Structures are given as C-alpha cells and as structure tokens.
Amino acid sequence: MKLVVGLGNPGQKYQKTRHNIGFMVIDEMLKILGTQAKFDAKFNAEVSMTNVDGEKLILAKPSTFMNLSGETIAKLIKYYNIDLEDVLVIVDDVNLETGKLRLREAGGHGGHNGLRNIIGLLHTEAFKRVRIGIDNNQVLPLDQYVLGQFTSDQMIVLQKSIQFSTEIIDLFIHNVSFSDIMTKYNTQT
C-alpha cells in the first residue's frame, strides 16, 4: 500500500495559494485516476483509496491546516500499517525557484512548518518527499507570500511541475526505485 499526501490548507480561501501546491498535485492525480477524495473525520483529511495495477493507493489532503499536517499522516500510517518507505509527501518550497522540483528520500524541514510537524510526529526525517519551488518574495512577509495567489506566469510554469509530479507519483506507485526517480526529475524545472 502506498500513501501519497499533498500538503496545503483546507478551504476555498486557500485553494490556489502558493502553500497549496501539494493539494493541486493531489487534485490532478485524482483527475487522472478518475476518482474523488472524500472527507474522513477519522483522519481529518480528504482521502481517496484506489487500486492502480494491483497496488493499493491512498491519496490524502490533510484538513488540519499546514502546520499540523503530520497528524493526518501519522493516523493514516498507523491505521493502515503503512511502511515509511511507502509514504510520499508533496510540498511547496520557498527556497526553490518557481516550478523547480527537488526530490529527497529523507531530510530536514528546511524551515517548512508542515514538514517540521511531520518529522516531529513520525520521529524521523526518513520519508520521501517532492518539494516544488514557489520562489520567495523579499518584500512581503513569508506568511503573506505563501498564502498569496500564484501569478499567471507562475501558473504556466507550475502546470509542467504538476504534470511531472503526477508522473513521479505514478512511478512511485509502480515501485520504481526512488533514486532512479530522483535522477530523472531532480534536473527538471
């Protein structure tokens, strides 16, 4: 069983904000698979469980707000007894230029509160992640910037990143070595 979680904030107000790129990837993957996520109070998340070529797949969007994302992930892992090696987190990164992908099998939080919470609740940094660059703005405070909308130019760039991210998820589901996936996609923008 694979668990893929996109990080973001719930609600219409945050729908297309920079911090919600993880949700955007999950939404695109749901569309590709022709399925929908439904709110499950047990996990405090929108969850979709499906099969892809015989592999069980859970796609999730935590409803806890970004800084508490780990709660949903920890509950899903425990309930379904999912190995950490079968978990993939999709997250925004202000330290990368817009659309740049950075895949890692482990690592720190890099100042990202969602990742910080996941690491704290799982008691490990050893989980796979796809970081999608959203750039930074030295003029605006960070919280205002990440909760702001993408520009139309940024959205054009991000469409390719979202597509690449769904390809990464597909390869992950099909048990392609994550180091091979990293080799292919860490060079993409």
N, C-alpha and C. Protein backbone atom coordinates (compact mmCIF):
# COMPACT_ATOMS: atom_id res chain seq x y z
N MET A 1 0.84 -1.19 0.00
CA MET A 1 0.00 0.00 0.00
C MET A 1 0.88 1.24 0.00
N LYS A 2 0.54 2.19 -0.86
CA LYS A 2 1.28 3.45 -0.95
C LYS A 2 0.40 4.59 -0.41
N LEU A 3 1.04 5.53 0.25
CA LEU A 3 0.36 6.72 0.75
C LEU A 3 1.03 7.95 0.15
N VAL A 4 0.26 8.75 -0.57
CA VAL A 4 0.77 10.00 -1.14
C VAL A 4 -0.06 11.13 -0.55
N VAL A 5 0.63 12.07 0.11
CA VAL A 5 -0.05 13.17 0.79
C VAL A 5 0.44 14.49 0.22
N GLY A 6 -0.51 15.31 -0.21
CA GLY A 6 -0.19 16.67 -0.64
C GLY A 6 -0.48 17.61 0.51
N LEU A 7 0.46 18.50 0.79
CA LEU A 7 0.25 19.44 1.89
C LEU A 7 -0.40 20.72 1.39
N GLY A 8 -1.20 21.33 2.27
CA GLY A 8 -1.88 22.57 1.94
C GLY A 8 -2.78 22.97 3.09
N ASN A 9 -3.59 23.96 2.82
CA ASN A 9 -4.58 24.44 3.80
C ASN A 9 -5.97 24.21 3.23
N PRO A 10 -6.92 23.74 4.06
CA PRO A 10 -8.27 23.49 3.57
C PRO A 10 -9.06 24.78 3.38
N GLY A 11 -10.07 24.70 2.55
CA GLY A 11 -11.00 25.82 2.38
C GLY A 11 -10.78 26.59 1.09
N GLN A 12 -11.88 27.16 0.63
CA GLN A 12 -11.91 27.92 -0.62
C GLN A 12 -10.90 29.07 -0.60
N LYS A 13 -10.75 29.71 0.53
CA LYS A 13 -9.89 30.87 0.68
C LYS A 13 -8.43 30.58 0.28
N TYR A 14 -8.00 29.33 0.50
CA TYR A 14 -6.60 28.96 0.26
C TYR A 14 -6.39 28.16 -1.02
N GLN A 15 -7.47 27.91 -1.75
CA GLN A 15 -7.46 26.93 -2.83
C GLN A 15 -6.30 27.06 -3.82
N LYS A 16 -6.02 28.20 -4.33
CA LYS A 16 -4.98 28.34 -5.36
C LYS A 16 -3.78 29.13 -4.84
N THR A 17 -3.54 29.04 -3.55
CA THR A 17 -2.41 29.78 -2.98
C THR A 17 -1.11 28.97 -3.13
N ARG A 18 0.00 29.65 -2.97
CA ARG A 18 1.31 29.02 -3.14
C ARG A 18 1.52 27.85 -2.18
N HIS A 19 1.03 27.99 -0.97
CA HIS A 19 1.20 26.95 0.04
C HIS A 19 0.42 25.68 -0.32
N ASN A 20 -0.48 25.76 -1.28
CA ASN A 20 -1.37 24.64 -1.61
C ASN A 20 -0.95 23.87 -2.85
N ILE A 21 0.27 24.02 -3.29
CA ILE A 21 0.71 23.28 -4.48
C ILE A 21 0.60 21.77 -4.26
N GLY A 22 0.79 21.30 -3.04
CA GLY A 22 0.64 19.88 -2.75
C GLY A 22 -0.79 19.40 -3.01
N PHE A 23 -1.76 20.20 -2.60
CA PHE A 23 -3.17 19.88 -2.87
C PHE A 23 -3.42 19.87 -4.38
N MET A 24 -2.84 20.81 -5.10
CA MET A 24 -3.05 20.89 -6.55
C MET A 24 -2.56 19.62 -7.25
N VAL A 25 -1.43 19.09 -6.78
CA VAL A 25 -0.90 17.85 -7.36
C VAL A 25 -1.85 16.69 -7.07
N ILE A 26 -2.32 16.59 -5.84
CA ILE A 26 -3.26 15.50 -5.48
C ILE A 26 -4.54 15.63 -6.31
N ASP A 27 -5.05 16.84 -6.47
CA ASP A 27 -6.26 17.06 -7.27
C ASP A 27 -6.05 16.59 -8.71
N GLU A 28 -4.89 16.89 -9.27
CA GLU A 28 -4.58 16.46 -10.64
C GLU A 28 -4.48 14.94 -10.72
N MET A 29 -3.87 14.33 -9.72
CA MET A 29 -3.75 12.87 -9.70
C MET A 29 -5.13 12.22 -9.58
N LEU A 30 -6.00 12.79 -8.77
CA LEU A 30 -7.37 12.28 -8.65
C LEU A 30 -8.08 12.34 -9.99
N LYS A 31 -7.88 13.45 -10.70
CA LYS A 31 -8.49 13.61 -12.03
C LYS A 31 -7.97 12.54 -12.99
N ILE A 32 -6.66 12.33 -13.00
CA ILE A 32 -6.05 11.32 -13.88
C ILE A 32 -6.60 9.93 -13.58
N LEU A 33 -6.76 9.62 -12.30
CA LEU A 33 -7.24 8.29 -11.89
C LEU A 33 -8.76 8.17 -11.98
N GLY A 34 -9.44 9.28 -12.22
CA GLY A 34 -10.90 9.27 -12.33
C GLY A 34 -11.60 8.94 -11.03
N THR A 35 -11.04 9.44 -9.94
CA THR A 35 -11.62 9.18 -8.62
C THR A 35 -11.74 10.49 -7.85
N GLN A 36 -12.37 10.43 -6.69
CA GLN A 36 -12.53 11.62 -5.86
C GLN A 36 -12.11 11.33 -4.44
N ALA A 37 -11.71 12.37 -3.75
CA ALA A 37 -11.41 12.25 -2.32
C ALA A 37 -12.63 12.71 -1.54
N LYS A 38 -12.86 12.04 -0.43
CA LYS A 38 -13.97 12.40 0.45
C LYS A 38 -13.41 12.65 1.84
N PHE A 39 -14.05 13.57 2.55
CA PHE A 39 -13.59 13.87 3.91
C PHE A 39 -13.82 12.66 4.80
N ASP A 40 -12.79 12.30 5.55
CA ASP A 40 -12.87 11.22 6.52
C ASP A 40 -12.45 11.78 7.88
N ALA A 41 -13.41 11.93 8.78
CA ALA A 41 -13.16 12.54 10.09
C ALA A 41 -12.13 11.77 10.90
N LYS A 42 -12.04 10.46 10.68
CA LYS A 42 -11.10 9.63 11.42
C LYS A 42 -9.66 10.09 11.18
N PHE A 43 -9.39 10.61 9.98
CA PHE A 43 -8.04 11.09 9.63
C PHE A 43 -7.96 12.60 9.53
N ASN A 44 -9.11 13.26 9.66
CA ASN A 44 -9.19 14.72 9.48
C ASN A 44 -8.55 15.11 8.15
N ALA A 45 -9.02 14.46 7.08
CA ALA A 45 -8.44 14.68 5.76
C ALA A 45 -9.44 14.27 4.68
N GLU A 46 -9.22 14.82 3.50
CA GLU A 46 -9.88 14.31 2.30
C GLU A 46 -9.03 13.13 1.83
N VAL A 47 -9.68 11.97 1.68
CA VAL A 47 -8.95 10.75 1.39
C VAL A 47 -9.60 10.02 0.22
N SER A 48 -8.75 9.47 -0.63
CA SER A 48 -9.20 8.59 -1.71
C SER A 48 -8.39 7.32 -1.62
N MET A 49 -9.09 6.19 -1.62
CA MET A 49 -8.40 4.90 -1.66
C MET A 49 -8.78 4.24 -2.97
N THR A 50 -7.76 3.82 -3.71
CA THR A 50 -8.00 3.20 -5.01
C THR A 50 -6.94 2.15 -5.27
N ASN A 51 -7.08 1.43 -6.36
CA ASN A 51 -6.08 0.45 -6.80
C ASN A 51 -5.52 0.91 -8.13
N VAL A 52 -4.21 0.81 -8.25
CA VAL A 52 -3.54 1.12 -9.52
C VAL A 52 -2.70 -0.11 -9.86
N ASP A 53 -3.11 -0.82 -10.89
CA ASP A 53 -2.40 -2.03 -11.32
C ASP A 53 -2.11 -2.97 -10.15
N GLY A 54 -3.11 -3.17 -9.30
CA GLY A 54 -2.97 -4.11 -8.20
C GLY A 54 -2.34 -3.54 -6.94
N GLU A 55 -1.86 -2.30 -6.99
CA GLU A 55 -1.25 -1.67 -5.81
C GLU A 55 -2.29 -0.75 -5.17
N LYS A 56 -2.52 -0.95 -3.86
CA LYS A 56 -3.44 -0.07 -3.15
C LYS A 56 -2.78 1.29 -2.99
N LEU A 57 -3.55 2.34 -3.23
CA LEU A 57 -3.05 3.70 -3.16
C LEU A 57 -4.02 4.55 -2.37
N ILE A 58 -3.45 5.29 -1.41
CA ILE A 58 -4.21 6.29 -0.67
C ILE A 58 -3.66 7.65 -1.07
N LEU A 59 -4.54 8.52 -1.53
CA LEU A 59 -4.20 9.92 -1.78
C LEU A 59 -4.90 10.74 -0.71
N ALA A 60 -4.16 11.66 -0.10
CA ALA A 60 -4.75 12.41 1.01
C ALA A 60 -4.37 13.89 0.99
N LYS A 61 -5.33 14.70 1.43
CA LYS A 61 -5.13 16.13 1.63
C LYS A 61 -5.58 16.45 3.06
N PRO A 62 -4.61 16.65 3.97
CA PRO A 62 -4.98 16.92 5.36
C PRO A 62 -5.86 18.16 5.49
N SER A 63 -6.84 18.09 6.39
CA SER A 63 -7.72 19.21 6.67
C SER A 63 -7.32 19.92 7.95
N THR A 64 -6.13 19.67 8.41
CA THR A 64 -5.64 20.17 9.70
C THR A 64 -4.97 21.53 9.62
N PHE A 65 -4.84 22.08 8.44
CA PHE A 65 -4.02 23.24 8.15
C PHE A 65 -2.56 22.79 8.14
N MET A 66 -1.77 23.50 7.39
CA MET A 66 -0.40 23.12 7.07
C MET A 66 0.43 22.72 8.29
N ASN A 67 0.39 23.53 9.33
CA ASN A 67 1.31 23.33 10.46
C ASN A 67 1.02 22.08 11.28
N LEU A 68 -0.11 21.42 11.02
CA LEU A 68 -0.46 20.20 11.75
C LEU A 68 -0.62 19.00 10.80
N SER A 69 -0.03 19.08 9.63
CA SER A 69 -0.17 18.04 8.60
C SER A 69 0.24 16.66 9.08
N GLY A 70 1.20 16.60 9.97
CA GLY A 70 1.70 15.32 10.46
C GLY A 70 0.64 14.50 11.18
N GLU A 71 -0.37 15.16 11.76
CA GLU A 71 -1.41 14.43 12.47
C GLU A 71 -2.13 13.46 11.54
N THR A 72 -2.51 13.94 10.37
CA THR A 72 -3.19 13.11 9.39
C THR A 72 -2.29 11.97 8.93
N ILE A 73 -1.05 12.30 8.61
CA ILE A 73 -0.12 11.29 8.09
C ILE A 73 0.13 10.21 9.14
N ALA A 74 0.35 10.61 10.38
CA ALA A 74 0.59 9.63 11.45
C ALA A 74 -0.62 8.72 11.64
N LYS A 75 -1.82 9.28 11.58
CA LYS A 75 -3.04 8.47 11.74
C LYS A 75 -3.20 7.48 10.59
N LEU A 76 -2.96 7.93 9.36
CA LEU A 76 -3.08 7.03 8.19
C LEU A 76 -2.05 5.90 8.26
N ILE A 77 -0.82 6.24 8.60
CA ILE A 77 0.24 5.24 8.70
C ILE A 77 -0.11 4.19 9.75
N LYS A 78 -0.57 4.66 10.90
CA LYS A 78 -0.90 3.74 11.99
C LYS A 78 -2.11 2.87 11.65
N TYR A 79 -3.17 3.48 11.16
CA TYR A 79 -4.42 2.77 10.87
C TYR A 79 -4.22 1.68 9.81
N TYR A 80 -3.49 2.03 8.74
CA TYR A 80 -3.30 1.09 7.63
C TYR A 80 -1.97 0.34 7.71
N ASN A 81 -1.20 0.57 8.78
CA ASN A 81 0.08 -0.11 8.96
C ASN A 81 0.97 0.05 7.71
N ILE A 82 1.16 1.29 7.31
CA ILE A 82 1.94 1.61 6.11
C ILE A 82 3.41 1.80 6.48
N ASP A 83 4.29 1.15 5.73
CA ASP A 83 5.73 1.33 5.93
C ASP A 83 6.13 2.73 5.50
N LEU A 84 7.05 3.33 6.22
CA LEU A 84 7.52 4.68 5.88
C LEU A 84 8.09 4.75 4.47
N GLU A 85 8.67 3.65 4.01
CA GLU A 85 9.23 3.65 2.65
C GLU A 85 8.14 3.77 1.58
N ASP A 86 6.88 3.57 1.98
CA ASP A 86 5.75 3.65 1.05
C ASP A 86 4.97 4.95 1.19
N VAL A 87 5.60 5.95 1.81
CA VAL A 87 4.97 7.26 2.02
C VAL A 87 5.70 8.29 1.17
N LEU A 88 4.91 9.12 0.47
CA LEU A 88 5.45 10.22 -0.34
C LEU A 88 4.66 11.48 0.00
N VAL A 89 5.39 12.56 0.31
CA VAL A 89 4.78 13.84 0.67
C VAL A 89 5.10 14.86 -0.42
N ILE A 90 4.08 15.59 -0.86
CA ILE A 90 4.24 16.65 -1.87
C ILE A 90 4.08 17.98 -1.15
N VAL A 91 5.07 18.87 -1.31
CA VAL A 91 5.11 20.09 -0.50
C VAL A 91 5.71 21.25 -1.28
N ASP A 92 5.34 22.46 -0.92
CA ASP A 92 5.91 23.68 -1.51
C ASP A 92 7.26 23.98 -0.88
N ASP A 93 8.09 24.76 -1.61
CA ASP A 93 9.41 25.14 -1.09
C ASP A 93 9.76 26.55 -1.56
N VAL A 94 9.86 27.48 -0.60
CA VAL A 94 10.19 28.88 -0.93
C VAL A 94 11.67 29.05 -1.26
N ASN A 95 12.47 28.02 -1.01
CA ASN A 95 13.90 28.11 -1.28
C ASN A 95 14.27 27.66 -2.69
N LEU A 96 13.27 27.28 -3.47
CA LEU A 96 13.49 26.88 -4.85
C LEU A 96 12.74 27.83 -5.78
N GLU A 97 13.31 28.06 -6.95
CA GLU A 97 12.61 28.93 -7.91
C GLU A 97 11.32 28.26 -8.35
N THR A 98 10.37 29.05 -8.76
CA THR A 98 9.04 28.56 -9.12
C THR A 98 9.14 27.41 -10.12
N GLY A 99 8.51 26.29 -9.75
CA GLY A 99 8.43 25.14 -10.62
C GLY A 99 9.57 24.14 -10.50
N LYS A 100 10.65 24.53 -9.86
CA LYS A 100 11.80 23.63 -9.71
C LYS A 100 11.42 22.48 -8.78
N LEU A 101 11.78 21.25 -9.15
CA LEU A 101 11.49 20.09 -8.33
C LEU A 101 12.74 19.64 -7.58
N ARG A 102 12.55 19.23 -6.34
CA ARG A 102 13.65 18.70 -5.55
C ARG A 102 13.11 17.48 -4.80
N LEU A 103 13.55 16.31 -5.20
CA LEU A 103 13.11 15.07 -4.57
C LEU A 103 14.17 14.60 -3.59
N ARG A 104 13.71 14.09 -2.45
CA ARG A 104 14.60 13.59 -1.42
C ARG A 104 13.99 12.35 -0.77
N GLU A 105 14.84 11.42 -0.34
CA GLU A 105 14.37 10.24 0.39
C GLU A 105 14.31 10.49 1.88
N ALA A 106 14.95 11.56 2.32
CA ALA A 106 14.97 11.94 3.74
C ALA A 106 15.50 13.36 3.79
N GLY A 107 15.45 13.97 4.96
CA GLY A 107 16.00 15.31 5.10
C GLY A 107 15.24 16.11 6.13
N GLY A 108 15.77 17.27 6.41
CA GLY A 108 15.17 18.16 7.39
C GLY A 108 13.95 18.87 6.85
N HIS A 109 13.45 19.79 7.65
CA HIS A 109 12.24 20.52 7.29
C HIS A 109 12.53 21.78 6.48
N GLY A 110 13.77 22.26 6.49
CA GLY A 110 14.12 23.44 5.71
C GLY A 110 13.30 24.67 6.06
N GLY A 111 12.82 24.74 7.30
CA GLY A 111 12.02 25.88 7.72
C GLY A 111 10.53 25.74 7.41
N HIS A 112 10.13 24.63 6.80
CA HIS A 112 8.73 24.41 6.43
C HIS A 112 7.99 23.81 7.61
N ASN A 113 6.98 24.51 8.11
CA ASN A 113 6.28 24.07 9.32
C ASN A 113 5.49 22.77 9.13
N GLY A 114 4.98 22.54 7.94
CA GLY A 114 4.28 21.28 7.67
C GLY A 114 5.24 20.10 7.80
N LEU A 115 6.42 20.22 7.17
CA LEU A 115 7.43 19.16 7.28
C LEU A 115 7.93 19.04 8.72
N ARG A 116 8.09 20.16 9.38
CA ARG A 116 8.54 20.14 10.79
C ARG A 116 7.57 19.30 11.64
N ASN A 117 6.28 19.50 11.44
CA ASN A 117 5.27 18.77 12.20
C ASN A 117 5.29 17.28 11.86
N ILE A 118 5.44 16.96 10.58
CA ILE A 118 5.50 15.55 10.18
C ILE A 118 6.71 14.87 10.82
N ILE A 119 7.87 15.49 10.72
CA ILE A 119 9.10 14.94 11.30
C ILE A 119 8.93 14.74 12.81
N GLY A 120 8.33 15.72 13.47
CA GLY A 120 8.12 15.63 14.91
C GLY A 120 7.21 14.49 15.30
N LEU A 121 6.11 14.30 14.57
CA LEU A 121 5.15 13.25 14.93
C LEU A 121 5.58 11.86 14.49
N LEU A 122 6.33 11.78 13.40
CA LEU A 122 6.81 10.47 12.94
C LEU A 122 8.13 10.09 13.62
N HIS A 123 8.76 11.06 14.27
CA HIS A 123 10.05 10.85 14.95
C HIS A 123 11.14 10.41 13.97
N THR A 124 11.06 10.89 12.74
CA THR A 124 12.07 10.57 11.74
C THR A 124 12.02 11.59 10.60
N GLU A 125 13.15 11.75 9.94
CA GLU A 125 13.22 12.55 8.72
C GLU A 125 13.22 11.65 7.49
N ALA A 126 13.13 10.33 7.71
CA ALA A 126 13.28 9.34 6.64
C ALA A 126 11.96 9.03 5.95
N PHE A 127 11.44 10.00 5.23
CA PHE A 127 10.28 9.76 4.36
C PHE A 127 10.52 10.54 3.06
N LYS A 128 10.00 9.98 1.99
CA LYS A 128 10.21 10.57 0.67
C LYS A 128 9.38 11.83 0.52
N ARG A 129 9.95 12.77 -0.23
CA ARG A 129 9.20 14.00 -0.48
C ARG A 129 9.54 14.58 -1.84
N VAL A 130 8.57 15.27 -2.40
CA VAL A 130 8.76 16.07 -3.61
C VAL A 130 8.52 17.51 -3.19
N ARG A 131 9.57 18.31 -3.30
CA ARG A 131 9.46 19.74 -2.98
C ARG A 131 9.30 20.49 -4.30
N ILE A 132 8.30 21.33 -4.36
CA ILE A 132 8.03 22.10 -5.58
C ILE A 132 8.28 23.57 -5.27
N GLY A 133 9.19 24.16 -6.03
CA GLY A 133 9.56 25.55 -5.80
C GLY A 133 8.42 26.51 -6.05
N ILE A 134 8.28 27.45 -5.10
CA ILE A 134 7.28 28.51 -5.26
C ILE A 134 7.95 29.89 -5.18
N ASP A 135 9.29 29.87 -5.14
CA ASP A 135 10.08 31.10 -5.09
C ASP A 135 9.86 31.81 -3.76
N ASN A 136 10.36 33.00 -3.65
CA ASN A 136 10.20 33.78 -2.44
C ASN A 136 10.09 35.25 -2.84
N ASN A 137 9.64 36.04 -1.93
CA ASN A 137 9.50 37.48 -2.17
C ASN A 137 10.10 38.17 -0.96
N GLN A 138 11.17 38.90 -1.18
CA GLN A 138 11.88 39.55 -0.08
C GLN A 138 11.12 40.74 0.50
N VAL A 139 10.09 41.22 -0.22
CA VAL A 139 9.34 42.39 0.23
C VAL A 139 8.21 42.01 1.18
N LEU A 140 7.47 40.96 0.82
CA LEU A 140 6.33 40.53 1.64
C LEU A 140 6.79 39.63 2.78
N PRO A 141 6.11 39.71 3.93
CA PRO A 141 6.38 38.72 4.98
C PRO A 141 6.06 37.32 4.44
N LEU A 142 6.80 36.33 4.90
CA LEU A 142 6.68 34.97 4.37
C LEU A 142 5.25 34.44 4.43
N ASP A 143 4.56 34.64 5.56
CA ASP A 143 3.20 34.10 5.67
C ASP A 143 2.27 34.73 4.64
N GLN A 144 2.42 36.02 4.35
CA GLN A 144 1.59 36.67 3.33
C GLN A 144 1.92 36.12 1.94
N TYR A 145 3.21 35.91 1.71
CA TYR A 145 3.62 35.43 0.39
C TYR A 145 3.09 34.02 0.12
N VAL A 146 3.30 33.09 1.05
CA VAL A 146 2.89 31.71 0.78
C VAL A 146 1.37 31.55 0.74
N LEU A 147 0.64 32.46 1.38
CA LEU A 147 -0.82 32.41 1.33
C LEU A 147 -1.39 33.26 0.21
N GLY A 148 -0.51 33.81 -0.64
CA GLY A 148 -0.94 34.59 -1.79
C GLY A 148 -1.14 33.71 -3.01
N GLN A 149 -1.82 34.26 -3.99
CA GLN A 149 -2.10 33.54 -5.24
C GLN A 149 -0.88 33.54 -6.15
N PHE A 150 -0.76 32.50 -6.95
CA PHE A 150 0.27 32.46 -7.98
C PHE A 150 -0.07 33.48 -9.07
N THR A 151 0.95 34.05 -9.68
CA THR A 151 0.72 34.91 -10.85
C THR A 151 0.38 34.01 -12.03
N SER A 152 -0.15 34.58 -13.10
CA SER A 152 -0.48 33.77 -14.28
C SER A 152 0.79 33.18 -14.90
N ASP A 153 1.90 33.91 -14.88
CA ASP A 153 3.16 33.38 -15.39
C ASP A 153 3.65 32.20 -14.54
N GLN A 154 3.51 32.31 -13.22
CA GLN A 154 3.91 31.21 -12.35
C GLN A 154 3.05 29.97 -12.60
N MET A 155 1.76 30.18 -12.84
CA MET A 155 0.86 29.05 -13.08
C MET A 155 1.24 28.31 -14.36
N ILE A 156 1.69 29.03 -15.37
CA ILE A 156 2.13 28.39 -16.61
C ILE A 156 3.31 27.45 -16.32
N VAL A 157 4.28 27.96 -15.56
CA VAL A 157 5.45 27.15 -15.19
C VAL A 157 5.03 25.97 -14.33
N LEU A 158 4.13 26.21 -13.39
CA LEU A 158 3.73 25.17 -12.44
C LEU A 158 2.92 24.04 -13.08
N GLN A 159 2.24 24.32 -14.18
CA GLN A 159 1.49 23.25 -14.85
C GLN A 159 2.41 22.09 -15.21
N LYS A 160 3.61 22.41 -15.68
CA LYS A 160 4.58 21.37 -16.03
C LYS A 160 5.06 20.66 -14.76
N SER A 161 5.28 21.40 -13.68
CA SER A 161 5.71 20.80 -12.42
C SER A 161 4.65 19.88 -11.85
N ILE A 162 3.40 20.28 -11.98
CA ILE A 162 2.29 19.43 -11.52
C ILE A 162 2.25 18.15 -12.35
N GLN A 163 2.41 18.28 -13.66
CA GLN A 163 2.43 17.11 -14.54
C GLN A 163 3.58 16.18 -14.16
N PHE A 164 4.78 16.74 -13.99
CA PHE A 164 5.93 15.92 -13.58
C PHE A 164 5.65 15.23 -12.24
N SER A 165 5.00 15.94 -11.32
CA SER A 165 4.71 15.37 -10.00
C SER A 165 3.76 14.19 -10.11
N THR A 166 2.78 14.25 -11.01
CA THR A 166 1.88 13.11 -11.19
C THR A 166 2.64 11.94 -11.82
N GLU A 167 3.60 12.23 -12.68
CA GLU A 167 4.44 11.16 -13.25
C GLU A 167 5.28 10.51 -12.14
N ILE A 168 5.81 11.34 -11.24
CA ILE A 168 6.59 10.84 -10.11
C ILE A 168 5.73 9.92 -9.25
N ILE A 169 4.50 10.35 -8.96
CA ILE A 169 3.59 9.52 -8.16
C ILE A 169 3.34 8.20 -8.86
N ASP A 170 3.11 8.23 -10.16
CA ASP A 170 2.85 7.00 -10.92
C ASP A 170 4.05 6.04 -10.83
N LEU A 171 5.25 6.57 -10.99
CA LEU A 171 6.45 5.72 -10.88
C LEU A 171 6.60 5.17 -9.47
N PHE A 172 6.31 6.00 -8.48
CA PHE A 172 6.36 5.59 -7.06
C PHE A 172 5.38 4.45 -6.81
N ILE A 173 4.17 4.57 -7.33
CA ILE A 173 3.15 3.53 -7.17
C ILE A 173 3.64 2.21 -7.79
N HIS A 174 4.33 2.33 -8.92
CA HIS A 174 4.80 1.14 -9.64
C HIS A 174 6.17 0.65 -9.16
N ASN A 175 6.55 1.08 -7.97
CA ASN A 175 7.76 0.58 -7.30
C ASN A 175 9.06 0.81 -8.07
N VAL A 176 9.11 1.86 -8.87
CA VAL A 176 10.37 2.24 -9.49
C VAL A 176 11.28 2.77 -8.38
N SER A 177 12.54 2.42 -8.43
CA SER A 177 13.49 2.88 -7.42
C SER A 177 13.42 4.40 -7.27
N PHE A 178 13.30 4.87 -6.02
CA PHE A 178 13.19 6.31 -5.82
C PHE A 178 14.46 7.03 -6.23
N SER A 179 15.61 6.37 -6.12
CA SER A 179 16.84 7.01 -6.58
C SER A 179 16.81 7.22 -8.09
N ASP A 180 16.20 6.29 -8.83
CA ASP A 180 16.04 6.48 -10.28
C ASP A 180 15.07 7.62 -10.58
N ILE A 181 14.00 7.70 -9.81
CA ILE A 181 13.03 8.79 -9.98
C ILE A 181 13.72 10.13 -9.69
N MET A 182 14.52 10.17 -8.63
CA MET A 182 15.24 11.40 -8.28
C MET A 182 16.19 11.80 -9.40
N THR A 183 16.91 10.83 -9.94
CA THR A 183 17.86 11.12 -11.03
C THR A 183 17.13 11.77 -12.20
N LYS A 184 15.96 11.25 -12.52
CA LYS A 184 15.22 11.78 -13.67
C LYS A 184 14.62 13.16 -13.40
N TYR A 185 14.02 13.34 -12.23
CA TYR A 185 13.22 14.55 -12.01
C TYR A 185 13.91 15.68 -11.25
N ASN A 186 14.98 15.40 -10.55
CA ASN A 186 15.68 16.49 -9.87
C ASN A 186 16.29 17.49 -10.84
N THR A 187 16.46 17.10 -12.08
CA THR A 187 17.02 18.01 -13.09
C THR A 187 15.93 18.78 -13.84
N GLN A 188 14.67 18.43 -13.60
CA GLN A 188 13.57 19.09 -14.31
C GLN A 188 13.21 20.42 -13.65
N THR A 189 12.66 21.32 -14.44
CA THR A 189 12.13 22.57 -13.88
C THR A 189 10.67 22.70 -14.25
